Amino acid sequence: MARKSTSGLSGIANTIARSGTQGTGKSRTSAPALGALRGSLAAIREIDPALIDDWGPADRLDEFTAVNSDDDPETFEGLKRSIAEGGQQVPILVRQSKTEGRFEVIYGRRRLQACRELGLKVRANVQDLDDATALLAKGLENAARRDLSFYEKARFAEAIQKAGHDTDTVRQVLNLSAPGLSHLTKVTQAVPMAVGDLIGSAPKSGRPRWTALAEIFTARRMTEPRAVKLLERHRDLPSDERLDRLLAEAAKRGAQQKTGVSEVTPMEGVSIKSGRGAVSVSVKRSGATEAFADWLDENLEDIIQRSHAEFTQMNPPDDT
């Protein structure tokens, strides 16, 4: 894969590059990152992956899965196959850990995991980096390689802030304007993390779709438990399609709320309608649910009686 030169990058890359020529001030702490990313051959070593620990805020979702299309050569299985056939071409970046003899990975987690699974030593560029410089180096690597998806940027920005860094650092690392960071923050504040985890990186979905989802949760048109339940039923779908299903369900529920009737389909052939006056369950006596409908017909009375007894036990009548 062709690599961009640092001189051709903007934002964070230029910040780090400039720091290598400045002689005073805080910017000097970023100077080692430029040297690290230019790849000092003397610092490249082959290291046992078992000696390398994780470090810093996560910058990707679906870390070792295919977050793009199935034929994307950058998927994890494609990367693993490439390393097995031709060796590891691009070193990862690590620094020495406080624990003697161990290291911390700054970037290159997918390459590290691939080497782990292949039983190979990993080629690593070992640099002496402080936390701030390591974070900048991580941001530059993301700028030089595949762009993070909108939601990955949002979660990465959130993780950087939770690690104690200010908004200026977040903007510098991700090359963001103030409004750009605000858009990311709006999403992470409104969309529950469990929901975001189940959706995944959604690499083809940009700000409009994620902002729409954030507005749905802000307006309480969708609850976290309902969203989680829906997404768990669609784990087999690609990430972008899971997001689309959730948006479609929220739109349907919004239309139903206007009429005072809601309807959900927990499984194909089964629907539950809830209105102001009653709740009804419908099971088709055909196709995949035919046998289930027959069984339910025979057992429904007992199911309702047992459910009501359980409800009464958990919600005793008020005698006062």
C-alpha atoms as a PDB file:
ATOM      1  CA  MET A   1       0.000   0.000   0.000  1.00  0.00           C
ATOM      2  CA  ALA A   2       1.496   3.388  -0.964  1.00  0.00           C
ATOM      3  CA  ARG A   3       2.245   5.628   1.993  1.00  0.00           C
ATOM      4  CA  LYS A   4       1.767   9.397   2.041  1.00  0.00           C
ATOM      5  CA  SER A   5       4.860  11.419   2.840  1.00  0.00           C
ATOM      6  CA  THR A   6       4.636  13.612   5.921  1.00  0.00           C
ATOM      7  CA  SER A   7       5.148  16.707   3.755  1.00  0.00           C
ATOM      8  CA  GLY A   8       1.929  15.959   1.899  1.00  0.00           C
ATOM      9  CA  LEU A   9      -0.252  15.768   4.987  1.00  0.00           C
ATOM     10  CA  SER A  10      -2.208  18.533   6.648  1.00  0.00           C
ATOM     11  CA  GLY A  11      -3.373  19.275  10.160  1.00  0.00           C
ATOM     12  CA  ILE A  12      -1.780  16.964  12.685  1.00  0.00           C
ATOM     13  CA  ALA A  13       0.969  15.871  10.295  1.00  0.00           C
ATOM     14  CA  ASN A  14       2.073  19.430   9.652  1.00  0.00           C
ATOM     15  CA  THR A  15       1.951  20.138  13.373  1.00  0.00           C
ATOM     16  CA  ILE A  16       4.342  17.284  14.088  1.00  0.00           C
ATOM     17  CA  ALA A  17       6.542  18.134  11.116  1.00  0.00           C
ATOM     18  CA  ARG A  18       6.859  21.755  12.228  1.00  0.00           C
ATOM     19  CA  SER A  19       7.741  20.639  15.729  1.00  0.00           C
ATOM     20  CA  GLY A  20      10.878  18.980  14.392  1.00  0.00           C
ATOM     21  CA  THR A  21      12.331  22.353  13.327  1.00  0.00           C
ATOM     22  CA  GLN A  22      11.295  24.458  16.309  1.00  0.00           C
ATOM     23  CA  GLY A  23      13.811  24.820  19.058  1.00  0.00           C
ATOM     24  CA  THR A  24      11.784  26.032  22.023  1.00  0.00           C
ATOM     25  CA  GLY A  25       8.401  25.663  23.689  1.00  0.00           C
ATOM     26  CA  LYS A  26       6.008  22.763  24.190  1.00  0.00           C
ATOM     27  CA  SER A  27       6.132  21.811  20.524  1.00  0.00           C
ATOM     28  CA  ARG A  28       9.546  20.199  21.093  1.00  0.00           C
ATOM     29  CA  THR A  29       7.863  17.286  22.838  1.00  0.00           C
ATOM     30  CA  SER A  30       6.332  16.335  19.484  1.00  0.00           C
ATOM     31  CA  ALA A  31       9.645  16.167  17.628  1.00  0.00           C
ATOM     32  CA  PRO A  32      10.301  12.444  18.273  1.00  0.00           C
ATOM     33  CA  ALA A  33       7.046  11.567  16.556  1.00  0.00           C
ATOM     34  CA  LEU A  34       8.292  12.863  13.227  1.00  0.00           C
ATOM     35  CA  GLY A  35      11.446  10.799  13.463  1.00  0.00           C
ATOM     36  CA  ALA A  36       9.447   7.742  14.504  1.00  0.00           C
ATOM     37  CA  LEU A  37       7.083   8.004  11.584  1.00  0.00           C
ATOM     38  CA  ARG A  38       9.903   8.552   9.114  1.00  0.00           C
ATOM     39  CA  GLY A  39      11.096   5.135  10.244  1.00  0.00           C
ATOM     40  CA  SER A  40      14.524   5.118  11.835  1.00  0.00           C
ATOM     41  CA  LEU A  41      15.957   1.820  10.614  1.00  0.00           C
ATOM     42  CA  ALA A  42      18.196   1.545  13.676  1.00  0.00           C
ATOM     43  CA  ALA A  43      15.103   1.483  15.904  1.00  0.00           C
ATOM     44  CA  ILE A  44      13.296  -1.335  14.067  1.00  0.00           C
ATOM     45  CA  ARG A  45      13.403  -4.645  15.919  1.00  0.00           C
ATOM     46  CA  GLU A  46      11.657  -7.985  15.773  1.00  0.00           C
ATOM     47  CA  ILE A  47       9.713  -8.498  19.019  1.00  0.00           C
ATOM     48  CA  ASP A  48       7.658 -11.344  20.427  1.00  0.00           C
ATOM     49  CA  PRO A  49       4.010 -10.113  20.335  1.00  0.00           C
ATOM     50  CA  ALA A  50       3.520 -11.577  23.831  1.00  0.00           C
ATOM     51  CA  LEU A  51       5.815  -8.811  25.153  1.00  0.00           C
ATOM     52  CA  ILE A  52       3.672  -5.990  23.727  1.00  0.00           C
ATOM     53  CA  ASP A  53       0.758  -4.484  25.688  1.00  0.00           C
ATOM     54  CA  ASP A  54      -2.017  -2.178  24.533  1.00  0.00           C
ATOM     55  CA  TRP A  55      -1.791   1.562  25.187  1.00  0.00           C
ATOM     56  CA  GLY A  56      -3.942   4.642  24.870  1.00  0.00           C
ATOM     57  CA  PRO A  57      -7.491   5.338  23.705  1.00  0.00           C
ATOM     58  CA  ALA A  58      -8.989   3.037  21.095  1.00  0.00           C
ATOM     59  CA  ASP A  59      -9.189   4.669  17.682  1.00  0.00           C
ATOM     60  CA  ARG A  60     -11.243   2.049  15.856  1.00  0.00           C
ATOM     61  CA  LEU A  61     -14.330  -0.061  16.286  1.00  0.00           C
ATOM     62  CA  ASP A  62     -14.461  -3.594  14.879  1.00  0.00           C
ATOM     63  CA  GLU A  63     -10.689  -3.551  15.388  1.00  0.00           C
ATOM     64  CA  PHE A  64      -9.979  -6.925  13.797  1.00  0.00           C
ATOM     65  CA  THR A  65     -13.023  -7.365  11.582  1.00  0.00           C
ATOM     66  CA  ALA A  66     -13.843  -6.266   8.070  1.00  0.00           C
ATOM     67  CA  VAL A  67     -15.291  -2.784   8.503  1.00  0.00           C
ATOM     68  CA  ASN A  68     -15.390  -2.117   4.778  1.00  0.00           C
ATOM     69  CA  SER A  69     -16.671  -4.274   1.928  1.00  0.00           C
ATOM     70  CA  ASP A  70     -15.865  -7.975   1.785  1.00  0.00           C
ATOM     71  CA  ASP A  71     -13.374  -7.526  -1.055  1.00  0.00           C
ATOM     72  CA  ASP A  72     -11.435  -4.726   0.669  1.00  0.00           C
ATOM     73  CA  PRO A  73      -7.790  -5.826   0.926  1.00  0.00           C
ATOM     74  CA  GLU A  74      -7.463  -3.816   4.140  1.00  0.00           C
ATOM     75  CA  THR A  75      -9.746  -6.158   6.089  1.00  0.00           C
ATOM     76  CA  PHE A  76      -8.072  -8.073   8.900  1.00  0.00           C
ATOM     77  CA  GLU A  77      -8.167 -11.439   7.148  1.00  0.00           C
ATOM     78  CA  GLY A  78      -6.710  -9.832   4.028  1.00  0.00           C
ATOM     79  CA  LEU A  79      -3.969  -8.224   6.097  1.00  0.00           C
ATOM     80  CA  LYS A  80      -3.204 -11.503   7.824  1.00  0.00           C
ATOM     81  CA  ARG A  81      -3.013 -13.341   4.518  1.00  0.00           C
ATOM     82  CA  SER A  82      -0.706 -10.660   3.109  1.00  0.00           C
ATOM     83  CA  ILE A  83       1.690 -10.945   6.063  1.00  0.00           C
ATOM     84  CA  ALA A  84       1.656 -14.749   5.867  1.00  0.00           C
ATOM     85  CA  GLU A  85       2.513 -14.682   2.155  1.00  0.00           C
ATOM     86  CA  GLY A  86       4.858 -11.715   1.874  1.00  0.00           C
ATOM     87  CA  GLY A  87       5.908 -10.800   5.394  1.00  0.00           C
ATOM     88  CA  GLN A  88       5.146  -7.694   7.430  1.00  0.00           C
ATOM     89  CA  GLN A  89       6.056  -4.739   5.216  1.00  0.00           C
ATOM     90  CA  VAL A  90       5.178  -1.845   7.540  1.00  0.00           C
ATOM     91  CA  PRO A  91       6.510  -1.833  11.130  1.00  0.00           C
ATOM     92  CA  ILE A  92       4.274  -0.980  14.054  1.00  0.00           C
ATOM     93  CA  LEU A  93       5.231   1.782  16.495  1.00  0.00           C
ATOM     94  CA  VAL A  94       5.946   0.882  20.128  1.00  0.00           C
ATOM     95  CA  ARG A  95       7.616   2.396  23.168  1.00  0.00           C
ATOM     96  CA  GLN A  96       9.232   0.712  26.131  1.00  0.00           C
ATOM     97  CA  SER A  97       6.904  -0.007  29.034  1.00  0.00           C
ATOM     98  CA  LYS A  98       7.562   0.901  32.648  1.00  0.00           C
ATOM     99  CA  THR A  99       7.729  -2.853  33.164  1.00  0.00           C
ATOM    100  CA  GLU A 100      11.221  -3.907  32.192  1.00  0.00           C
ATOM    101  CA  GLY A 101      11.396  -6.007  29.052  1.00  0.00           C
ATOM    102  CA  ARG A 102       7.896  -5.108  27.868  1.00  0.00           C
ATOM    103  CA  PHE A 103       6.558  -2.651  25.291  1.00  0.00           C
ATOM    104  CA  GLU A 104       3.393  -0.633  24.582  1.00  0.00           C
ATOM    105  CA  VAL A 105       1.886  -0.393  21.102  1.00  0.00           C
ATOM    106  CA  ILE A 106       1.173   3.155  19.905  1.00  0.00           C
ATOM    107  CA  TYR A 107      -0.247   2.155  16.558  1.00  0.00           C
ATOM    108  CA  GLY A 108      -0.386  -0.972  14.411  1.00  0.00           C
ATOM    109  CA  ARG A 109      -2.732  -3.074  16.545  1.00  0.00           C
ATOM    110  CA  ARG A 110      -4.096  -4.970  13.543  1.00  0.00           C
ATOM    111  CA  ARG A 111      -0.607  -5.869  12.322  1.00  0.00           C
ATOM    112  CA  LEU A 112       0.324  -6.890  15.866  1.00  0.00           C
ATOM    113  CA  GLN A 113      -2.746  -9.124  16.180  1.00  0.00           C
ATOM    114  CA  ALA A 114      -2.093 -10.665  12.772  1.00  0.00           C
ATOM    115  CA  CYS A 115       1.458 -11.589  13.786  1.00  0.00           C
ATOM    116  CA  ARG A 116       0.138 -12.995  17.070  1.00  0.00           C
ATOM    117  CA  GLU A 117      -2.282 -15.266  15.264  1.00  0.00           C
ATOM    118  CA  LEU A 118       0.353 -16.313  12.724  1.00  0.00           C
ATOM    119  CA  GLY A 119       2.903 -17.096  15.428  1.00  0.00           C
ATOM    120  CA  LEU A 120       5.386 -14.578  14.002  1.00  0.00           C
ATOM    121  CA  LYS A 121       7.560 -11.953  15.630  1.00  0.00           C
ATOM    122  CA  VAL A 122       6.378  -8.454  14.800  1.00  0.00           C
ATOM    123  CA  ARG A 123       8.605  -5.813  13.220  1.00  0.00           C
ATOM    124  CA  ALA A 124       8.384  -2.765  15.485  1.00  0.00           C
ATOM    125  CA  ASN A 125       9.828   0.732  15.461  1.00  0.00           C
ATOM    126  CA  VAL A 126      10.861   1.326  19.094  1.00  0.00           C
ATOM    127  CA  GLN A 127      10.795   4.992  20.093  1.00  0.00           C
ATOM    128  CA  ASP A 128      11.048   6.930  23.357  1.00  0.00           C
ATOM    129  CA  LEU A 129       7.740   8.838  23.334  1.00  0.00           C
ATOM    130  CA  ASP A 130       5.842  10.597  26.095  1.00  0.00           C
ATOM    131  CA  ASP A 131       2.034  10.316  26.238  1.00  0.00           C
ATOM    132  CA  ALA A 132       1.366  13.565  24.355  1.00  0.00           C
ATOM    133  CA  THR A 133       3.762  12.736  21.527  1.00  0.00           C
ATOM    134  CA  ALA A 134       2.485   9.158  21.311  1.00  0.00           C
ATOM    135  CA  LEU A 135      -1.058  10.441  20.914  1.00  0.00           C
ATOM    136  CA  LEU A 136       0.028  12.820  18.149  1.00  0.00           C
ATOM    137  CA  ALA A 137       1.869   9.997  16.403  1.00  0.00           C
ATOM    138  CA  LYS A 138      -1.286   7.891  16.582  1.00  0.00           C
ATOM    139  CA  GLY A 139      -3.257  10.706  14.974  1.00  0.00           C
ATOM    140  CA  LEU A 140      -0.691  11.134  12.205  1.00  0.00           C
ATOM    141  CA  GLU A 141      -0.775   7.419  11.422  1.00  0.00           C
ATOM    142  CA  ASN A 142      -4.558   7.606  11.011  1.00  0.00           C
ATOM    143  CA  ALA A 143      -4.166  10.587   8.696  1.00  0.00           C
ATOM    144  CA  ALA A 144      -1.591   8.731   6.590  1.00  0.00           C
ATOM    145  CA  ARG A 145      -3.570   5.504   6.288  1.00  0.00           C
ATOM    146  CA  ARG A 146      -7.291   4.710   5.945  1.00  0.00           C
ATOM    147  CA  ASP A 147      -9.467   7.486   7.332  1.00  0.00           C
ATOM    148  CA  LEU A 148     -11.477   6.708  10.428  1.00  0.00           C
ATOM    149  CA  SER A 149     -15.222   6.586   9.907  1.00  0.00           C
ATOM    150  CA  PHE A 150     -17.286   9.414  11.348  1.00  0.00           C
ATOM    151  CA  TYR A 151     -18.336   7.328  14.346  1.00  0.00           C
ATOM    152  CA  GLU A 152     -14.804   6.031  14.949  1.00  0.00           C
ATOM    153  CA  LYS A 153     -13.626   9.657  15.057  1.00  0.00           C
ATOM    154  CA  ALA A 154     -16.400  10.477  17.523  1.00  0.00           C
ATOM    155  CA  ARG A 155     -15.452   7.611  19.836  1.00  0.00           C
ATOM    156  CA  PHE A 156     -11.717   8.331  19.481  1.00  0.00           C
ATOM    157  CA  ALA A 157     -12.322  11.997  20.372  1.00  0.00           C
ATOM    158  CA  GLU A 158     -14.345  10.925  23.397  1.00  0.00           C
ATOM    159  CA  ALA A 159     -11.622   8.493  24.505  1.00  0.00           C
ATOM    160  CA  ILE A 160      -8.905  11.152  24.209  1.00  0.00           C
ATOM    161  CA  GLN A 161     -10.911  13.530  26.398  1.00  0.00           C
ATOM    162  CA  LYS A 162     -11.660  10.811  28.946  1.00  0.00           C
ATOM    163  CA  ALA A 163      -7.909  10.160  29.117  1.00  0.00           C
ATOM    164  CA  GLY A 164      -7.532  13.708  30.441  1.00  0.00           C
ATOM    165  CA  HIS A 165      -6.605  15.678  27.319  1.00  0.00           C
ATOM    166  CA  ASP A 166      -8.231  18.999  26.482  1.00  0.00           C
ATOM    167  CA  THR A 167     -10.306  19.835  23.409  1.00  0.00           C
ATOM    168  CA  ASP A 168      -7.364  21.557  21.701  1.00  0.00           C
ATOM    169  CA  THR A 169      -5.458  18.275  21.786  1.00  0.00           C
ATOM    170  CA  VAL A 170      -8.466  16.386  20.414  1.00  0.00           C
ATOM    171  CA  ARG A 171      -8.814  18.832  17.544  1.00  0.00           C
ATOM    172  CA  GLN A 172      -5.081  18.651  16.813  1.00  0.00           C
ATOM    173  CA  VAL A 173      -4.938  14.858  16.807  1.00  0.00           C
ATOM    174  CA  LEU A 174      -7.991  14.469  14.563  1.00  0.00           C
ATOM    175  CA  ASN A 175      -7.434  17.640  12.492  1.00  0.00           C
ATOM    176  CA  LEU A 176     -10.846  19.067  13.450  1.00  0.00           C
ATOM    177  CA  SER A 177     -12.398  22.504  13.487  1.00  0.00           C
ATOM    178  CA  ALA A 178     -14.356  23.553  16.570  1.00  0.00           C
ATOM    179  CA  PRO A 179     -17.704  22.866  14.822  1.00  0.00           C
ATOM    180  CA  GLY A 180     -16.351  19.521  13.616  1.00  0.00           C
ATOM    181  CA  LEU A 181     -15.574  18.427  17.156  1.00  0.00           C
ATOM    182  CA  SER A 182     -18.987  19.680  18.266  1.00  0.00           C
ATOM    183  CA  HIS A 183     -20.694  17.398  15.722  1.00  0.00           C
ATOM    184  CA  LEU A 184     -18.747  14.397  17.026  1.00  0.00           C
ATOM    185  CA  THR A 185     -19.506  15.250  20.648  1.00  0.00           C
ATOM    186  CA  LYS A 186     -23.216  15.580  19.932  1.00  0.00           C
ATOM    187  CA  VAL A 187     -23.281  11.992  18.706  1.00  0.00           C
ATOM    188  CA  THR A 188     -21.319  10.416  21.577  1.00  0.00           C
ATOM    189  CA  GLN A 189     -23.352  12.323  24.175  1.00  0.00           C
ATOM    190  CA  ALA A 190     -26.717  11.268  22.711  1.00  0.00           C
ATOM    191  CA  VAL A 191     -26.146   7.756  21.322  1.00  0.00           C
ATOM    192  CA  PRO A 192     -25.656   5.196  24.128  1.00  0.00           C
ATOM    193  CA  MET A 193     -22.274   3.469  23.937  1.00  0.00           C
ATOM    194  CA  ALA A 194     -23.886   0.009  23.955  1.00  0.00           C
ATOM    195  CA  VAL A 195     -25.897   1.002  20.878  1.00  0.00           C
ATOM    196  CA  GLY A 196     -22.817   2.370  19.122  1.00  0.00           C
ATOM    197  CA  ASP A 197     -20.878  -0.807  19.904  1.00  0.00           C
ATOM    198  CA  LEU A 198     -23.607  -2.945  18.333  1.00  0.00           C
ATOM    199  CA  ILE A 199     -23.792  -0.749  15.234  1.00  0.00           C
ATOM    200  CA  GLY A 200     -20.029  -0.646  14.750  1.00  0.00           C
ATOM    201  CA  SER A 201     -17.908   1.701  12.671  1.00  0.00           C
ATOM    202  CA  ALA A 202     -20.420   2.150   9.813  1.00  0.00           C
ATOM    203  CA  PRO A 203     -17.660   3.293   7.409  1.00  0.00           C
ATOM    204  CA  LYS A 204     -20.076   4.419   4.685  1.00  0.00           C
ATOM    205  CA  SER A 205     -22.287   6.469   7.027  1.00  0.00           C
ATOM    206  CA  GLY A 206     -21.270  10.049   7.640  1.00  0.00           C
ATOM    207  CA  ARG A 207     -22.391  12.875   9.878  1.00  0.00           C
ATOM    208  CA  PRO A 208     -26.010  13.245   8.625  1.00  0.00           C
ATOM    209  CA  ARG A 209     -27.039   9.684   9.511  1.00  0.00           C
ATOM    210  CA  TRP A 210     -25.299   9.660  12.874  1.00  0.00           C
ATOM    211  CA  THR A 211     -26.686  13.097  13.711  1.00  0.00           C
ATOM    212  CA  ALA A 212     -30.166  11.820  12.816  1.00  0.00           C
ATOM    213  CA  LEU A 213     -29.685   8.917  15.230  1.00  0.00           C
ATOM    214  CA  ALA A 214     -28.466  11.290  17.951  1.00  0.00           C
ATOM    215  CA  GLU A 215     -31.581  13.438  17.491  1.00  0.00           C
ATOM    216  CA  ILE A 216     -33.780  10.333  17.769  1.00  0.00           C
ATOM    217  CA  PHE A 217     -32.325   9.501  21.191  1.00  0.00           C
ATOM    218  CA  THR A 218     -32.413  13.145  22.294  1.00  0.00           C
ATOM    219  CA  ALA A 219     -36.116  13.331  21.380  1.00  0.00           C
ATOM    220  CA  ARG A 220     -36.690   9.977  23.170  1.00  0.00           C
ATOM    221  CA  ARG A 221     -38.177   8.400  20.070  1.00  0.00           C
ATOM    222  CA  MET A 222     -36.029   5.342  20.770  1.00  0.00           C
ATOM    223  CA  THR A 223     -34.871   3.821  24.060  1.00  0.00           C
ATOM    224  CA  GLU A 224     -31.542   2.098  24.615  1.00  0.00           C
ATOM    225  CA  PRO A 225     -33.077  -1.304  25.512  1.00  0.00           C
ATOM    226  CA  ARG A 226     -35.278  -1.305  22.393  1.00  0.00           C
ATOM    227  CA  ALA A 227     -32.371  -0.270  20.170  1.00  0.00           C
ATOM    228  CA  VAL A 228     -30.126  -2.968  21.655  1.00  0.00           C
ATOM    229  CA  LYS A 229     -32.819  -5.621  21.160  1.00  0.00           C
ATOM    230  CA  LEU A 230     -33.281  -4.626  17.515  1.00  0.00           C
ATOM    231  CA  LEU A 231     -29.551  -4.533  16.778  1.00  0.00           C
ATOM    232  CA  GLU A 232     -28.945  -7.906  18.402  1.00  0.00           C
ATOM    233  CA  ARG A 233     -31.421  -9.410  15.941  1.00  0.00           C
ATOM    234  CA  HIS A 234     -29.380  -8.011  13.050  1.00  0.00           C
ATOM    235  CA  ARG A 235     -25.822  -8.850  14.112  1.00  0.00           C
ATOM    236  CA  ASP A 236     -25.282 -10.684  10.819  1.00  0.00           C
ATOM    237  CA  LEU A 237     -25.815  -7.506   8.757  1.00  0.00           C
ATOM    238  CA  PRO A 238     -22.975  -5.158   7.769  1.00  0.00           C
ATOM    239  CA  SER A 239     -22.427  -2.216  10.123  1.00  0.00           C
ATOM    240  CA  ASP A 240     -23.973   0.417   7.843  1.00  0.00           C
ATOM    241  CA  GLU A 241     -27.089  -1.702   7.351  1.00  0.00           C
ATOM    242  CA  ARG A 242     -27.496  -2.105  11.113  1.00  0.00           C
ATOM    243  CA  LEU A 243     -27.536   1.684  11.411  1.00  0.00           C
ATOM    244  CA  ASP A 244     -30.067   1.917   8.580  1.00  0.00           C
ATOM    245  CA  ARG A 245     -32.354  -0.636  10.259  1.00  0.00           C
ATOM    246  CA  LEU A 246     -32.296   1.342  13.488  1.00  0.00           C
ATOM    247  CA  LEU A 247     -33.100   4.612  11.719  1.00  0.00           C
ATOM    248  CA  ALA A 248     -35.938   2.938   9.795  1.00  0.00           C
ATOM    249  CA  GLU A 249     -37.384   1.454  12.993  1.00  0.00           C
ATOM    250  CA  ALA A 250     -37.272   4.842  14.711  1.00  0.00           C
ATOM    251  CA  ALA A 251     -39.017   6.475  11.736  1.00  0.00           C
ATOM    252  CA  LYS A 252     -41.720   3.801  11.778  1.00  0.00           C
ATOM    253  CA  ARG A 253     -42.258   4.229  15.506  1.00  0.00           C
ATOM    254  CA  GLY A 254     -42.477   7.998  15.070  1.00  0.00           C
ATOM    255  CA  ALA A 255     -45.262   7.569  12.519  1.00  0.00           C
ATOM    256  CA  GLN A 256     -47.042   5.072  14.762  1.00  0.00           C
ATOM    257  CA  GLN A 257     -46.899   7.405  17.756  1.00  0.00           C
ATOM    258  CA  LYS A 258     -48.832  10.011  15.773  1.00  0.00           C
ATOM    259  CA  THR A 259     -51.693   7.576  15.293  1.00  0.00           C
ATOM    260  CA  GLY A 260     -51.542   6.295  18.863  1.00  0.00           C
ATOM    261  CA  VAL A 261     -50.784   2.726  17.714  1.00  0.00           C
ATOM    262  CA  SER A 262     -47.384   1.061  17.759  1.00  0.00           C
ATOM    263  CA  GLU A 263     -46.407  -2.229  16.164  1.00  0.00           C
ATOM    264  CA  VAL A 264     -43.253  -4.299  16.528  1.00  0.00           C
ATOM    265  CA  THR A 265     -42.183  -7.501  14.793  1.00  0.00           C
ATOM    266  CA  PRO A 266     -40.030  -9.544  17.220  1.00  0.00           C
ATOM    267  CA  MET A 267     -39.657 -12.260  14.564  1.00  0.00           C
ATOM    268  CA  GLU A 268     -40.911 -12.947  11.066  1.00  0.00           C
ATOM    269  CA  GLY A 269     -44.619 -13.802  11.066  1.00  0.00           C
ATOM    270  CA  VAL A 270     -45.231 -12.406  14.559  1.00  0.00           C
ATOM    271  CA  SER A 271     -46.430  -8.888  15.323  1.00  0.00           C
ATOM    272  CA  ILE A 272     -47.407  -7.100  18.534  1.00  0.00           C
ATOM    273  CA  LYS A 273     -49.745  -4.111  18.296  1.00  0.00           C
ATOM    274  CA  SER A 274     -50.139  -1.697  21.168  1.00  0.00           C
ATOM    275  CA  GLY A 275     -52.852   0.947  21.190  1.00  0.00           C
ATOM    276  CA  ARG A 276     -54.626   3.094  23.747  1.00  0.00           C
ATOM    277  CA  GLY A 277     -57.273   0.458  24.392  1.00  0.00           C
ATOM    278  CA  ALA A 278     -55.562  -2.909  23.981  1.00  0.00           C
ATOM    279  CA  VAL A 279     -52.463  -4.984  23.249  1.00  0.00           C
ATOM    280  CA  SER A 280     -52.785  -7.731  20.652  1.00  0.00           C
ATOM    281  CA  VAL A 281     -50.444 -10.448  19.381  1.00  0.00           C
ATOM    282  CA  SER A 282     -50.717 -11.872  15.875  1.00  0.00           C
ATOM    283  CA  VAL A 283     -48.967 -15.046  14.699  1.00  0.00           C
ATOM    284  CA  LYS A 284     -49.338 -16.181  11.089  1.00  0.00           C
ATOM    285  CA  ARG A 285     -50.604 -19.733  10.644  1.00  0.00           C
ATOM    286  CA  SER A 286     -48.436 -20.227   7.600  1.00  0.00           C
ATOM    287  CA  GLY A 287     -44.797 -20.479   6.648  1.00  0.00           C
ATOM    288  CA  ALA A 288     -42.123 -20.600   9.325  1.00  0.00           C
ATOM    289  CA  THR A 289     -44.535 -19.743  12.167  1.00  0.00           C
ATOM    290  CA  GLU A 290     -47.292 -22.246  11.357  1.00  0.00           C
ATOM    291  CA  ALA A 291     -46.211 -24.830  13.951  1.00  0.00           C
ATOM    292  CA  PHE A 292     -45.532 -22.104  16.515  1.00  0.00           C
ATOM    293  CA  ALA A 293     -49.037 -20.686  15.983  1.00  0.00           C
ATOM    294  CA  ASP A 294     -50.562 -24.120  16.615  1.00  0.00           C
ATOM    295  CA  TRP A 295     -48.492 -24.589  19.787  1.00  0.00           C
ATOM    296  CA  LEU A 296     -49.388 -21.099  21.010  1.00  0.00           C
ATOM    297  CA  ASP A 297     -53.068 -21.795  20.395  1.00  0.00           C
ATOM    298  CA  GLU A 298     -52.871 -24.804  22.726  1.00  0.00           C
ATOM    299  CA  ASN A 299     -50.767 -23.141  25.438  1.00  0.00           C
ATOM    300  CA  LEU A 300     -51.676 -19.455  25.382  1.00  0.00           C
ATOM    301  CA  GLU A 301     -54.242 -19.652  28.186  1.00  0.00           C
ATOM    302  CA  ASP A 302     -51.732 -21.261  30.527  1.00  0.00           C
ATOM    303  CA  ILE A 303     -48.983 -18.826  29.481  1.00  0.00           C
ATOM    304  CA  ILE A 304     -51.198 -15.821  30.257  1.00  0.00           C
ATOM    305  CA  GLN A 305     -52.292 -17.212  33.624  1.00  0.00           C
ATOM    306  CA  ARG A 306     -48.694 -17.930  34.675  1.00  0.00           C
ATOM    307  CA  SER A 307     -47.526 -14.535  33.430  1.00  0.00           C
ATOM    308  CA  HIS A 308     -50.309 -12.786  35.306  1.00  0.00           C
ATOM    309  CA  ALA A 309     -49.467 -14.678  38.497  1.00  0.00           C
ATOM    310  CA  GLU A 310     -45.827 -13.638  38.131  1.00  0.00           C
ATOM    311  CA  PHE A 311     -46.866 -10.033  37.505  1.00  0.00           C
ATOM    312  CA  THR A 312     -49.121 -10.029  40.574  1.00  0.00           C
ATOM    313  CA  GLN A 313     -46.329 -11.446  42.741  1.00  0.00           C
ATOM    314  CA  MET A 314     -43.950  -8.712  41.586  1.00  0.00           C
ATOM    315  CA  ASN A 315     -46.627  -5.992  41.776  1.00  0.00           C
ATOM    316  CA  PRO A 316     -48.853  -6.761  44.775  1.00  0.00           C
ATOM    317  CA  PRO A 317     -52.122  -4.757  44.984  1.00  0.00           C
ATOM    318  CA  ASP A 318     -52.132  -1.775  47.307  1.00  0.00           C
ATOM    319  CA  ASP A 319     -54.403  -2.575  50.297  1.00  0.00           C
ATOM    320  CA  THR A 320     -54.560   0.964  51.554  1.00  0.00           C
END
